[in-house]
Amino acid sequence: SAEAHFVADILADQVVSRGTSIILREGWTKFNAFGDHLEARVGRQPTTWGTGDLLFINDLFPKDYVSFFIGRDDQYLKSPSDAVRLGFFGLPLDVDLVYTPVFSPNILPNGERLVFWTPFYAPVLEPEQKLENGETALRLSRAVGRVKLSLYGYWGFWKNPTGFSPADSSMASSMSHFYYPSLNVYGASARGGLLGGVGWVEGGWYDSSDDRDSVNPAIPNSEMRAMAGYERQWWSDFTGGLQVYWEGVQDYQSAEYVKDENYTLLTLRLMQMLRYQTVKLSAFTFYSPSDEDAYIRLAAGYDYTDELNLTLGANLFQGNDTRTLFGMNEDNSNVFLRVRHSF
């Protein structure tokens, strides 16, 4: 059996100079074979896996943080890429393999719509579009009772331009630039029922393969990352969840980082449904004790009819240091109104 799927966005934009444009968000073909033991999906598609709630460790697929920060639907956080995804089922372990032939980075504020902080300006160069610069992601998973266990692997590049290459005075055409260093990630996760709700743990080793000896301050050191979370319905139509997240920079004594050796982040999700679940009130808070900054997402949605939804919300950033993740976005705080008609 086979099927094709297409999603196109028509974007009328008064902020940037592109004006009105048509964007292909999804365009893929899927087919099953070998008695449904193989599922292949080929084409433009958003992809996600892992356990976190708006936090990602082993999900190295591209994210659109500009859409996320200005109030578009949460689905737009997952940026699509042109990829081949293969799923193998009916084996002792379920296998998911995703190959992206052209590197797809995260979409970050660049000064066009949202401001951003940089110590100095330099262009960003992406890896050359050639076969050896593709990205490969692998997941092995199995359910054990009520718990789903997964192992992950990723071979590609850091998703943000964290590397810096200074100008080479011996080359007339050379200029300073930021770039995406090579990265391998190996991790694991578990998610399942816990104390009347759902709990999860996830961890990953970020192998910064361009500088494993941590001798080049212009390339990020390897890191350990981990998180744990819990969510449940505490009373009728009220859901609450908490996550704890940690990043630890390896060989920190040799790293000339602005970033702390140990970065910590807490998240809190609160959601209340009212008026026969036609009104949805939600608040999602990110707070970093190590960076002393915060990001709060507020939204109030109303299903006026079955077809028409109205949402009023705000993205609020606070921080004392413009070099921290949320502190650099403080001037990007905004309110938004979203109207969605489904037919």
C-alpha atoms as a PDB file:
ATOM      1  CA  SER A   1       0.000   0.000   0.000  1.00  0.00           C
ATOM      2  CA  ALA A   2       1.155   3.546  -0.705  1.00  0.00           C
ATOM      3  CA  GLU A   3      -0.008   7.106  -0.138  1.00  0.00           C
ATOM      4  CA  ALA A   4       1.128  10.674  -0.788  1.00  0.00           C
ATOM      5  CA  HIS A   5       0.753  13.653   1.539  1.00  0.00           C
ATOM      6  CA  PHE A   6       1.112  17.371   0.846  1.00  0.00           C
ATOM      7  CA  VAL A   7       0.786  20.466   3.049  1.00  0.00           C
ATOM      8  CA  ALA A   8       1.406  23.976   1.716  1.00  0.00           C
ATOM      9  CA  ASP A   9       1.408  27.248   3.667  1.00  0.00           C
ATOM     10  CA  ILE A  10       0.500  30.559   2.053  1.00  0.00           C
ATOM     11  CA  LEU A  11       2.339  33.217   4.038  1.00  0.00           C
ATOM     12  CA  ALA A  12       1.500  36.916   3.717  1.00  0.00           C
ATOM     13  CA  ASP A  13       4.248  38.630   5.688  1.00  0.00           C
ATOM     14  CA  GLN A  14       4.442  42.371   6.336  1.00  0.00           C
ATOM     15  CA  VAL A  15       7.574  42.183   8.496  1.00  0.00           C
ATOM     16  CA  VAL A  16      10.148  40.928   6.022  1.00  0.00           C
ATOM     17  CA  SER A  17      10.570  41.857   2.391  1.00  0.00           C
ATOM     18  CA  ARG A  18       9.463  38.534   0.931  1.00  0.00           C
ATOM     19  CA  GLY A  19       5.802  39.580   0.970  1.00  0.00           C
ATOM     20  CA  THR A  20       3.435  36.759   0.033  1.00  0.00           C
ATOM     21  CA  SER A  21       4.943  33.338  -0.609  1.00  0.00           C
ATOM     22  CA  ILE A  22       3.933  29.682  -0.834  1.00  0.00           C
ATOM     23  CA  ILE A  23       5.922  27.313   1.385  1.00  0.00           C
ATOM     24  CA  LEU A  24       5.860  23.539   0.979  1.00  0.00           C
ATOM     25  CA  ARG A  25       5.759  22.247   4.554  1.00  0.00           C
ATOM     26  CA  GLU A  26       5.147  18.586   3.767  1.00  0.00           C
ATOM     27  CA  GLY A  27       5.443  16.634   0.535  1.00  0.00           C
ATOM     28  CA  TRP A  28       6.161  12.946   1.016  1.00  0.00           C
ATOM     29  CA  THR A  29       5.262   9.514  -0.271  1.00  0.00           C
ATOM     30  CA  LYS A  30       4.845   6.538   2.049  1.00  0.00           C
ATOM     31  CA  PHE A  31       4.646   2.847   1.264  1.00  0.00           C
ATOM     32  CA  ASN A  32       4.591  -0.386   3.270  1.00  0.00           C
ATOM     33  CA  ALA A  33       6.219  -3.675   2.306  1.00  0.00           C
ATOM     34  CA  PHE A  34       7.075  -7.147   3.613  1.00  0.00           C
ATOM     35  CA  GLY A  35       3.761  -7.607   5.367  1.00  0.00           C
ATOM     36  CA  ASP A  36       3.922  -4.175   7.036  1.00  0.00           C
ATOM     37  CA  HIS A  37       7.338  -4.957   8.530  1.00  0.00           C
ATOM     38  CA  LEU A  38       8.803  -2.016   6.560  1.00  0.00           C
ATOM     39  CA  GLU A  39       7.426   1.508   6.326  1.00  0.00           C
ATOM     40  CA  ALA A  40       9.268   3.968   4.073  1.00  0.00           C
ATOM     41  CA  ARG A  41       8.526   7.693   3.944  1.00  0.00           C
ATOM     42  CA  VAL A  42      10.416   9.766   1.387  1.00  0.00           C
ATOM     43  CA  GLY A  43      10.243  13.531   0.869  1.00  0.00           C
ATOM     44  CA  ARG A  44       9.789  16.758   2.813  1.00  0.00           C
ATOM     45  CA  GLN A  45       8.601  16.027   6.349  1.00  0.00           C
ATOM     46  CA  PRO A  46       8.890  17.182   9.965  1.00  0.00           C
ATOM     47  CA  THR A  47      10.330  14.452  12.188  1.00  0.00           C
ATOM     48  CA  THR A  48      10.472  14.114  15.954  1.00  0.00           C
ATOM     49  CA  TRP A  49      11.242  11.599  18.665  1.00  0.00           C
ATOM     50  CA  GLY A  50      12.338  11.542  22.296  1.00  0.00           C
ATOM     51  CA  THR A  51      10.456  12.012  25.548  1.00  0.00           C
ATOM     52  CA  GLY A  52      10.695  15.684  26.577  1.00  0.00           C
ATOM     53  CA  ASP A  53       7.958  18.314  26.647  1.00  0.00           C
ATOM     54  CA  LEU A  54       9.413  21.147  24.489  1.00  0.00           C
ATOM     55  CA  LEU A  55      12.898  19.974  25.530  1.00  0.00           C
ATOM     56  CA  PHE A  56      15.100  17.906  23.239  1.00  0.00           C
ATOM     57  CA  ILE A  57      18.214  15.811  23.748  1.00  0.00           C
ATOM     58  CA  ASN A  58      18.231  12.989  21.194  1.00  0.00           C
ATOM     59  CA  ASP A  59      15.860  14.753  18.803  1.00  0.00           C
ATOM     60  CA  LEU A  60      18.399  16.427  16.511  1.00  0.00           C
ATOM     61  CA  PHE A  61      15.864  17.267  13.801  1.00  0.00           C
ATOM     62  CA  PRO A  62      15.592  20.979  12.876  1.00  0.00           C
ATOM     63  CA  LYS A  63      13.505  23.370  15.001  1.00  0.00           C
ATOM     64  CA  ASP A  64      12.052  26.749  14.036  1.00  0.00           C
ATOM     65  CA  TYR A  65      12.534  28.886  17.145  1.00  0.00           C
ATOM     66  CA  VAL A  66      11.400  32.061  15.376  1.00  0.00           C
ATOM     67  CA  SER A  67       7.930  30.554  14.856  1.00  0.00           C
ATOM     68  CA  PHE A  68       7.993  29.247  18.422  1.00  0.00           C
ATOM     69  CA  PHE A  69       8.873  32.647  19.905  1.00  0.00           C
ATOM     70  CA  ILE A  70       6.210  34.651  18.016  1.00  0.00           C
ATOM     71  CA  GLY A  71       3.141  32.542  18.823  1.00  0.00           C
ATOM     72  CA  ARG A  72       2.557  30.298  15.836  1.00  0.00           C
ATOM     73  CA  ASP A  73       1.006  26.885  16.512  1.00  0.00           C
ATOM     74  CA  ASP A  74       3.333  24.547  18.402  1.00  0.00           C
ATOM     75  CA  GLN A  75       3.512  22.258  15.361  1.00  0.00           C
ATOM     76  CA  TYR A  76       5.608  24.926  13.609  1.00  0.00           C
ATOM     77  CA  LEU A  77       8.402  24.430  16.141  1.00  0.00           C
ATOM     78  CA  LYS A  78       9.239  21.279  14.150  1.00  0.00           C
ATOM     79  CA  SER A  79      10.848  22.500  10.952  1.00  0.00           C
ATOM     80  CA  PRO A  80      10.600  20.124   7.972  1.00  0.00           C
ATOM     81  CA  SER A  81      13.549  18.665   6.076  1.00  0.00           C
ATOM     82  CA  ASP A  82      13.981  16.586   2.925  1.00  0.00           C
ATOM     83  CA  ALA A  83      14.628  13.103   4.261  1.00  0.00           C
ATOM     84  CA  VAL A  84      14.214   9.365   3.885  1.00  0.00           C
ATOM     85  CA  ARG A  85      12.669   7.650   6.927  1.00  0.00           C
ATOM     86  CA  LEU A  86      12.600   3.867   7.222  1.00  0.00           C
ATOM     87  CA  GLY A  87      10.766   1.984   9.948  1.00  0.00           C
ATOM     88  CA  PHE A  88      11.335  -1.738  10.589  1.00  0.00           C
ATOM     89  CA  PHE A  89       8.746  -3.470  12.787  1.00  0.00           C
ATOM     90  CA  GLY A  90       8.092  -6.980  14.047  1.00  0.00           C
ATOM     91  CA  LEU A  91      11.712  -7.467  15.091  1.00  0.00           C
ATOM     92  CA  PRO A  92      12.950  -7.863  18.687  1.00  0.00           C
ATOM     93  CA  LEU A  93      13.458  -4.061  18.510  1.00  0.00           C
ATOM     94  CA  ASP A  94      11.580  -1.503  16.427  1.00  0.00           C
ATOM     95  CA  VAL A  95      14.056   0.359  14.227  1.00  0.00           C
ATOM     96  CA  ASP A  96      13.670   3.931  12.900  1.00  0.00           C
ATOM     97  CA  LEU A  97      16.318   5.232  10.515  1.00  0.00           C
ATOM     98  CA  VAL A  98      16.262   8.793   9.119  1.00  0.00           C
ATOM     99  CA  TYR A  99      18.727  10.013   6.507  1.00  0.00           C
ATOM    100  CA  THR A 100      18.802  13.706   5.541  1.00  0.00           C
ATOM    101  CA  PRO A 101      21.097  14.206   2.537  1.00  0.00           C
ATOM    102  CA  VAL A 102      21.256  18.014   2.935  1.00  0.00           C
ATOM    103  CA  PHE A 103      22.022  19.386   6.415  1.00  0.00           C
ATOM    104  CA  SER A 104      19.035  21.199   7.971  1.00  0.00           C
ATOM    105  CA  PRO A 105      19.956  23.616  10.821  1.00  0.00           C
ATOM    106  CA  ASN A 106      17.726  25.173  13.455  1.00  0.00           C
ATOM    107  CA  ILE A 107      16.036  28.424  12.460  1.00  0.00           C
ATOM    108  CA  LEU A 108      17.149  31.088  14.964  1.00  0.00           C
ATOM    109  CA  PRO A 109      16.549  34.832  15.428  1.00  0.00           C
ATOM    110  CA  ASN A 110      18.822  36.683  13.009  1.00  0.00           C
ATOM    111  CA  GLY A 111      17.834  40.331  13.446  1.00  0.00           C
ATOM    112  CA  GLU A 112      15.273  40.280  10.643  1.00  0.00           C
ATOM    113  CA  ARG A 113      12.197  39.638  12.789  1.00  0.00           C
ATOM    114  CA  LEU A 114      13.635  39.052  16.252  1.00  0.00           C
ATOM    115  CA  VAL A 115      16.780  40.558  17.737  1.00  0.00           C
ATOM    116  CA  PHE A 116      19.697  38.371  18.798  1.00  0.00           C
ATOM    117  CA  TRP A 117      22.989  38.780  20.656  1.00  0.00           C
ATOM    118  CA  THR A 118      26.441  38.229  19.165  1.00  0.00           C
ATOM    119  CA  PRO A 119      29.854  39.474  20.346  1.00  0.00           C
ATOM    120  CA  PHE A 120      30.544  40.636  16.759  1.00  0.00           C
ATOM    121  CA  TYR A 121      29.038  40.128  13.359  1.00  0.00           C
ATOM    122  CA  ALA A 122      30.276  37.396  11.035  1.00  0.00           C
ATOM    123  CA  PRO A 123      28.412  35.420   8.353  1.00  0.00           C
ATOM    124  CA  VAL A 124      27.189  31.875   9.005  1.00  0.00           C
ATOM    125  CA  LEU A 125      28.297  29.155   6.596  1.00  0.00           C
ATOM    126  CA  GLU A 126      26.472  25.834   6.309  1.00  0.00           C
ATOM    127  CA  PRO A 127      28.192  22.563   5.362  1.00  0.00           C
ATOM    128  CA  GLU A 128      28.617  21.975   1.651  1.00  0.00           C
ATOM    129  CA  GLN A 129      25.763  20.125   0.003  1.00  0.00           C
ATOM    130  CA  LYS A 130      27.512  16.849  -0.658  1.00  0.00           C
ATOM    131  CA  LEU A 131      26.847  13.239   0.285  1.00  0.00           C
ATOM    132  CA  GLU A 132      29.310  13.029   3.180  1.00  0.00           C
ATOM    133  CA  ASN A 133      27.674  16.067   4.820  1.00  0.00           C
ATOM    134  CA  GLY A 134      24.290  14.424   5.249  1.00  0.00           C
ATOM    135  CA  GLU A 135      22.721  13.603   8.626  1.00  0.00           C
ATOM    136  CA  THR A 136      21.837  10.133   9.914  1.00  0.00           C
ATOM    137  CA  ALA A 137      19.621   9.468  12.934  1.00  0.00           C
ATOM    138  CA  LEU A 138      18.788   6.060  14.412  1.00  0.00           C
ATOM    139  CA  ARG A 139      16.345   4.917  17.097  1.00  0.00           C
ATOM    140  CA  LEU A 140      15.960   1.410  18.535  1.00  0.00           C
ATOM    141  CA  SER A 141      12.936   0.974  20.807  1.00  0.00           C
ATOM    142  CA  ARG A 142      10.937  -1.663  22.618  1.00  0.00           C
ATOM    143  CA  ALA A 143       8.043  -1.686  25.065  1.00  0.00           C
ATOM    144  CA  VAL A 144       8.704  -3.545  28.315  1.00  0.00           C
ATOM    145  CA  GLY A 145       5.446  -3.715  30.215  1.00  0.00           C
ATOM    146  CA  ARG A 146       4.159  -0.139  30.489  1.00  0.00           C
ATOM    147  CA  VAL A 147       7.553   1.417  29.774  1.00  0.00           C
ATOM    148  CA  LYS A 148       8.976   2.256  26.351  1.00  0.00           C
ATOM    149  CA  LEU A 149      12.764   2.008  26.210  1.00  0.00           C
ATOM    150  CA  SER A 150      14.774   3.596  23.391  1.00  0.00           C
ATOM    151  CA  LEU A 151      18.376   3.913  22.241  1.00  0.00           C
ATOM    152  CA  TYR A 152      19.454   6.708  19.887  1.00  0.00           C
ATOM    153  CA  GLY A 153      22.317   7.625  17.613  1.00  0.00           C
ATOM    154  CA  TYR A 154      22.988  10.725  15.514  1.00  0.00           C
ATOM    155  CA  TRP A 155      25.835  11.500  13.126  1.00  0.00           C
ATOM    156  CA  GLY A 156      25.881  15.000  11.674  1.00  0.00           C
ATOM    157  CA  PHE A 157      26.509  18.530  12.930  1.00  0.00           C
ATOM    158  CA  TRP A 158      25.645  20.862  15.804  1.00  0.00           C
ATOM    159  CA  LYS A 159      22.242  22.329  14.901  1.00  0.00           C
ATOM    160  CA  ASN A 160      23.271  25.883  15.882  1.00  0.00           C
ATOM    161  CA  PRO A 161      26.334  27.694  14.429  1.00  0.00           C
ATOM    162  CA  THR A 162      28.485  27.160  17.525  1.00  0.00           C
ATOM    163  CA  GLY A 163      31.852  27.029  15.736  1.00  0.00           C
ATOM    164  CA  PHE A 164      33.962  30.053  14.762  1.00  0.00           C
ATOM    165  CA  SER A 165      36.659  30.236  12.112  1.00  0.00           C
ATOM    166  CA  PRO A 166      38.860  33.369  12.164  1.00  0.00           C
ATOM    167  CA  ALA A 167      40.145  34.919   8.968  1.00  0.00           C
ATOM    168  CA  ASP A 168      43.343  33.406   7.544  1.00  0.00           C
ATOM    169  CA  SER A 169      45.751  36.231   6.750  1.00  0.00           C
ATOM    170  CA  SER A 170      47.576  34.004   4.249  1.00  0.00           C
ATOM    171  CA  MET A 171      44.472  33.729   2.065  1.00  0.00           C
ATOM    172  CA  ALA A 172      43.128  36.860   0.406  1.00  0.00           C
ATOM    173  CA  SER A 173      39.642  35.353   0.049  1.00  0.00           C
ATOM    174  CA  SER A 174      39.439  34.168   3.664  1.00  0.00           C
ATOM    175  CA  MET A 175      37.047  35.850   6.115  1.00  0.00           C
ATOM    176  CA  SER A 176      35.874  35.165   9.640  1.00  0.00           C
ATOM    177  CA  HIS A 177      32.657  33.156   9.884  1.00  0.00           C
ATOM    178  CA  PHE A 178      30.516  31.032  12.168  1.00  0.00           C
ATOM    179  CA  TYR A 179      29.815  27.446  11.136  1.00  0.00           C
ATOM    180  CA  TYR A 180      28.302  24.118  12.251  1.00  0.00           C
ATOM    181  CA  PRO A 181      30.960  21.758  13.691  1.00  0.00           C
ATOM    182  CA  SER A 182      30.616  17.982  13.381  1.00  0.00           C
ATOM    183  CA  LEU A 183      28.634  16.245  16.120  1.00  0.00           C
ATOM    184  CA  ASN A 184      27.797  12.670  17.105  1.00  0.00           C
ATOM    185  CA  VAL A 185      25.154  11.976  19.758  1.00  0.00           C
ATOM    186  CA  TYR A 186      24.469   8.710  21.603  1.00  0.00           C
ATOM    187  CA  GLY A 187      21.598   8.447  24.063  1.00  0.00           C
ATOM    188  CA  ALA A 188      18.770   6.538  25.698  1.00  0.00           C
ATOM    189  CA  SER A 189      15.321   7.195  27.161  1.00  0.00           C
ATOM    190  CA  ALA A 190      12.504   5.572  29.105  1.00  0.00           C
ATOM    191  CA  ARG A 191       8.881   6.709  29.269  1.00  0.00           C
ATOM    192  CA  GLY A 192       5.877   5.082  30.941  1.00  0.00           C
ATOM    193  CA  GLY A 193       3.145   5.180  33.554  1.00  0.00           C
ATOM    194  CA  LEU A 194       4.131   6.446  37.004  1.00  0.00           C
ATOM    195  CA  LEU A 195       2.011   7.273  40.084  1.00  0.00           C
ATOM    196  CA  GLY A 196      -1.162   7.898  38.129  1.00  0.00           C
ATOM    197  CA  GLY A 197       0.585   9.930  35.451  1.00  0.00           C
ATOM    198  CA  VAL A 198       3.434   9.656  32.967  1.00  0.00           C
ATOM    199  CA  GLY A 199       7.136   9.872  33.797  1.00  0.00           C
ATOM    200  CA  TRP A 200      10.218   9.969  31.615  1.00  0.00           C
ATOM    201  CA  VAL A 201      14.000  10.128  31.746  1.00  0.00           C
ATOM    202  CA  GLU A 202      16.373  10.797  28.863  1.00  0.00           C
ATOM    203  CA  GLY A 203      20.096  11.311  28.443  1.00  0.00           C
ATOM    204  CA  GLY A 204      22.668  11.803  25.735  1.00  0.00           C
ATOM    205  CA  TRP A 205      26.413  12.122  25.131  1.00  0.00           C
ATOM    206  CA  TYR A 206      27.275  14.966  22.718  1.00  0.00           C
ATOM    207  CA  ASP A 207      30.537  13.982  21.072  1.00  0.00           C
ATOM    208  CA  SER A 208      32.053  17.140  19.547  1.00  0.00           C
ATOM    209  CA  SER A 209      34.102  15.153  17.054  1.00  0.00           C
ATOM    210  CA  ASP A 210      35.961  18.148  15.553  1.00  0.00           C
ATOM    211  CA  ASP A 211      37.682  18.823  18.899  1.00  0.00           C
ATOM    212  CA  ARG A 212      37.580  15.743  21.127  1.00  0.00           C
ATOM    213  CA  ASP A 213      40.692  16.899  22.999  1.00  0.00           C
ATOM    214  CA  SER A 214      39.026  20.245  23.884  1.00  0.00           C
ATOM    215  CA  VAL A 215      42.004  22.292  22.724  1.00  0.00           C
ATOM    216  CA  ASN A 216      40.206  24.662  20.325  1.00  0.00           C
ATOM    217  CA  PRO A 217      38.138  27.325  22.147  1.00  0.00           C
ATOM    218  CA  ALA A 218      36.358  28.156  18.868  1.00  0.00           C
ATOM    219  CA  ILE A 219      34.642  24.730  18.847  1.00  0.00           C
ATOM    220  CA  PRO A 220      32.235  23.608  21.605  1.00  0.00           C
ATOM    221  CA  ASN A 221      33.450  20.891  23.950  1.00  0.00           C
ATOM    222  CA  SER A 222      31.678  17.564  24.268  1.00  0.00           C
ATOM    223  CA  GLU A 223      28.742  17.539  26.700  1.00  0.00           C
ATOM    224  CA  MET A 224      26.569  15.263  28.775  1.00  0.00           C
ATOM    225  CA  ARG A 225      22.849  16.092  28.772  1.00  0.00           C
ATOM    226  CA  ALA A 226      20.028  14.613  30.846  1.00  0.00           C
ATOM    227  CA  MET A 227      16.457  15.314  31.897  1.00  0.00           C
ATOM    228  CA  ALA A 228      13.598  13.814  33.883  1.00  0.00           C
ATOM    229  CA  GLY A 229       9.928  14.742  33.800  1.00  0.00           C
ATOM    230  CA  TYR A 230       6.496  13.901  35.179  1.00  0.00           C
ATOM    231  CA  GLU A 231       2.955  14.873  34.126  1.00  0.00           C
ATOM    232  CA  ARG A 232      -0.517  13.929  35.259  1.00  0.00           C
ATOM    233  CA  GLN A 233      -4.109  15.144  35.467  1.00  0.00           C
ATOM    234  CA  TRP A 234      -4.338  16.424  39.019  1.00  0.00           C
ATOM    235  CA  TRP A 235      -8.077  17.059  38.987  1.00  0.00           C
ATOM    236  CA  SER A 236     -10.864  17.283  36.431  1.00  0.00           C
ATOM    237  CA  ASP A 237      -9.604  19.027  33.267  1.00  0.00           C
ATOM    238  CA  PHE A 238      -6.415  20.257  34.957  1.00  0.00           C
ATOM    239  CA  THR A 239      -3.021  18.943  33.886  1.00  0.00           C
ATOM    240  CA  GLY A 240       0.343  19.793  35.404  1.00  0.00           C
ATOM    241  CA  GLY A 241       3.855  18.689  34.512  1.00  0.00           C
ATOM    242  CA  LEU A 242       7.427  19.358  35.685  1.00  0.00           C
ATOM    243  CA  GLN A 243      10.819  18.739  34.062  1.00  0.00           C
ATOM    244  CA  VAL A 244      14.412  19.008  35.267  1.00  0.00           C
ATOM    245  CA  TYR A 245      17.119  19.417  32.607  1.00  0.00           C
ATOM    246  CA  TRP A 246      20.940  19.479  32.867  1.00  0.00           C
ATOM    247  CA  GLU A 247      23.906  20.055  30.560  1.00  0.00           C
ATOM    248  CA  GLY A 248      27.474  19.399  31.676  1.00  0.00           C
ATOM    249  CA  VAL A 249      30.427  20.668  29.612  1.00  0.00           C
ATOM    250  CA  GLN A 250      33.327  18.218  29.555  1.00  0.00           C
ATOM    251  CA  ASP A 251      36.969  19.327  30.083  1.00  0.00           C
ATOM    252  CA  TYR A 252      35.669  22.675  31.253  1.00  0.00           C
ATOM    253  CA  GLN A 253      39.018  23.885  32.541  1.00  0.00           C
ATOM    254  CA  SER A 254      40.227  24.072  28.941  1.00  0.00           C
ATOM    255  CA  ALA A 255      37.059  25.704  27.587  1.00  0.00           C
ATOM    256  CA  GLU A 256      36.845  29.456  27.205  1.00  0.00           C
ATOM    257  CA  TYR A 257      33.063  29.460  27.485  1.00  0.00           C
ATOM    258  CA  VAL A 258      30.522  32.079  28.392  1.00  0.00           C
ATOM    259  CA  LYS A 259      28.331  29.102  29.238  1.00  0.00           C
ATOM    260  CA  ASP A 260      28.511  27.647  32.757  1.00  0.00           C
ATOM    261  CA  GLU A 261      30.116  24.261  33.277  1.00  0.00           C
ATOM    262  CA  ASN A 262      26.760  22.986  34.565  1.00  0.00           C
ATOM    263  CA  TYR A 263      23.632  24.442  32.995  1.00  0.00           C
ATOM    264  CA  THR A 264      20.292  23.672  34.673  1.00  0.00           C
ATOM    265  CA  LEU A 265      16.749  24.318  33.519  1.00  0.00           C
ATOM    266  CA  LEU A 266      13.349  23.722  35.120  1.00  0.00           C
ATOM    267  CA  THR A 267      10.032  23.705  33.267  1.00  0.00           C
ATOM    268  CA  LEU A 268       6.467  23.821  34.572  1.00  0.00           C
ATOM    269  CA  ARG A 269       3.381  23.183  32.434  1.00  0.00           C
ATOM    270  CA  LEU A 270      -0.087  24.093  33.745  1.00  0.00           C
ATOM    271  CA  MET A 271      -3.262  23.643  31.672  1.00  0.00           C
ATOM    272  CA  GLN A 272      -6.916  24.108  32.664  1.00  0.00           C
ATOM    273  CA  MET A 273      -9.945  23.361  30.468  1.00  0.00           C
ATOM    274  CA  LEU A 274     -13.211  25.248  31.158  1.00  0.00           C
ATOM    275  CA  ARG A 275     -16.765  25.590  29.770  1.00  0.00           C
ATOM    276  CA  TYR A 276     -17.106  21.997  28.593  1.00  0.00           C
ATOM    277  CA  GLN A 277     -13.512  22.100  27.302  1.00  0.00           C
ATOM    278  CA  THR A 278     -14.186  24.979  24.905  1.00  0.00           C
ATOM    279  CA  VAL A 279     -11.802  27.260  26.850  1.00  0.00           C
ATOM    280  CA  LYS A 280      -8.161  26.291  27.303  1.00  0.00           C
ATOM    281  CA  LEU A 281      -5.867  28.233  29.658  1.00  0.00           C
ATOM    282  CA  SER A 282      -2.198  27.285  29.593  1.00  0.00           C
ATOM    283  CA  ALA A 283       1.111  28.471  30.993  1.00  0.00           C
ATOM    284  CA  PHE A 284       4.508  26.957  30.247  1.00  0.00           C
ATOM    285  CA  THR A 285       7.468  28.328  32.196  1.00  0.00           C
ATOM    286  CA  PHE A 286      11.185  27.793  31.531  1.00  0.00           C
ATOM    287  CA  TYR A 287      13.474  28.898  34.368  1.00  0.00           C
ATOM    288  CA  SER A 288      17.244  28.441  34.545  1.00  0.00           C
ATOM    289  CA  PRO A 289      18.747  28.641  38.070  1.00  0.00           C
ATOM    290  CA  SER A 290      22.269  28.661  36.606  1.00  0.00           C
ATOM    291  CA  ASP A 291      21.676  31.439  34.027  1.00  0.00           C
ATOM    292  CA  GLU A 292      19.111  33.260  36.190  1.00  0.00           C
ATOM    293  CA  ASP A 293      16.778  33.841  33.264  1.00  0.00           C
ATOM    294  CA  ALA A 294      13.250  32.752  32.327  1.00  0.00           C
ATOM    295  CA  TYR A 295      10.793  32.354  29.468  1.00  0.00           C
ATOM    296  CA  ILE A 296       7.013  32.201  30.045  1.00  0.00           C
ATOM    297  CA  ARG A 297       4.496  31.120  27.381  1.00  0.00           C
ATOM    298  CA  LEU A 298       0.903  32.137  28.177  1.00  0.00           C
ATOM    299  CA  ALA A 299      -2.170  31.305  26.077  1.00  0.00           C
ATOM    300  CA  ALA A 300      -5.955  31.484  26.396  1.00  0.00           C
ATOM    301  CA  GLY A 301      -7.841  29.653  23.649  1.00  0.00           C
ATOM    302  CA  TYR A 302     -11.572  29.631  22.920  1.00  0.00           C
ATOM    303  CA  ASP A 303     -13.429  27.320  20.538  1.00  0.00           C
ATOM    304  CA  TYR A 304     -16.052  29.804  19.349  1.00  0.00           C
ATOM    305  CA  THR A 305     -17.511  27.080  17.118  1.00  0.00           C
ATOM    306  CA  ASP A 306     -16.325  23.638  16.060  1.00  0.00           C
ATOM    307  CA  GLU A 307     -14.588  25.340  13.127  1.00  0.00           C
ATOM    308  CA  LEU A 308     -13.336  28.615  14.637  1.00  0.00           C
ATOM    309  CA  ASN A 309     -10.696  28.916  17.378  1.00  0.00           C
ATOM    310  CA  LEU A 310      -9.404  32.178  18.888  1.00  0.00           C
ATOM    311  CA  THR A 311      -6.180  32.290  20.908  1.00  0.00           C
ATOM    312  CA  LEU A 312      -4.654  35.218  22.781  1.00  0.00           C
ATOM    313  CA  GLY A 313      -1.193  34.711  24.179  1.00  0.00           C
ATOM    314  CA  ALA A 314       2.169  36.142  25.197  1.00  0.00           C
ATOM    315  CA  ASN A 315       5.845  35.189  25.045  1.00  0.00           C
ATOM    316  CA  LEU A 316       7.706  36.810  27.938  1.00  0.00           C
ATOM    317  CA  PHE A 317      11.492  36.697  28.334  1.00  0.00           C
ATOM    318  CA  GLN A 318      13.505  37.877  31.318  1.00  0.00           C
ATOM    319  CA  GLY A 319      17.207  37.817  32.075  1.00  0.00           C
ATOM    320  CA  ASN A 320      19.991  39.946  33.526  1.00  0.00           C
ATOM    321  CA  ASP A 321      22.678  38.908  30.999  1.00  0.00           C
ATOM    322  CA  THR A 322      22.232  39.375  27.245  1.00  0.00           C
ATOM    323  CA  ARG A 323      24.524  36.393  26.635  1.00  0.00           C
ATOM    324  CA  THR A 324      22.169  33.822  28.219  1.00  0.00           C
ATOM    325  CA  LEU A 325      19.537  31.959  26.218  1.00  0.00           C
ATOM    326  CA  PHE A 326      16.485  33.849  27.459  1.00  0.00           C
ATOM    327  CA  GLY A 327      18.282  37.027  28.484  1.00  0.00           C
ATOM    328  CA  MET A 328      19.307  37.710  24.877  1.00  0.00           C
ATOM    329  CA  ASN A 329      15.637  37.467  23.875  1.00  0.00           C
ATOM    330  CA  GLU A 330      14.303  39.924  26.460  1.00  0.00           C
ATOM    331  CA  ASP A 331      13.562  42.540  23.771  1.00  0.00           C
ATOM    332  CA  ASN A 332      11.651  39.884  21.815  1.00  0.00           C
ATOM    333  CA  SER A 333       8.826  39.668  24.389  1.00  0.00           C
ATOM    334  CA  ASN A 334       5.501  39.898  22.557  1.00  0.00           C
ATOM    335  CA  VAL A 335       1.765  39.348  22.641  1.00  0.00           C
ATOM    336  CA  PHE A 336      -0.125  37.658  19.813  1.00  0.00           C
ATOM    337  CA  LEU A 337      -3.640  36.901  18.577  1.00  0.00           C
ATOM    338  CA  ARG A 338      -4.215  33.762  16.528  1.00  0.00           C
ATOM    339  CA  VAL A 339      -7.398  32.915  14.605  1.00  0.00           C
ATOM    340  CA  ARG A 340      -7.777  29.407  13.181  1.00  0.00           C
ATOM    341  CA  HIS A 341     -10.586  28.226  10.906  1.00  0.00           C
ATOM    342  CA  SER A 342     -10.819  24.501  10.201  1.00  0.00           C
ATOM    343  CA  PHE A 343     -12.947  23.078   7.426  1.00  0.00           C
END
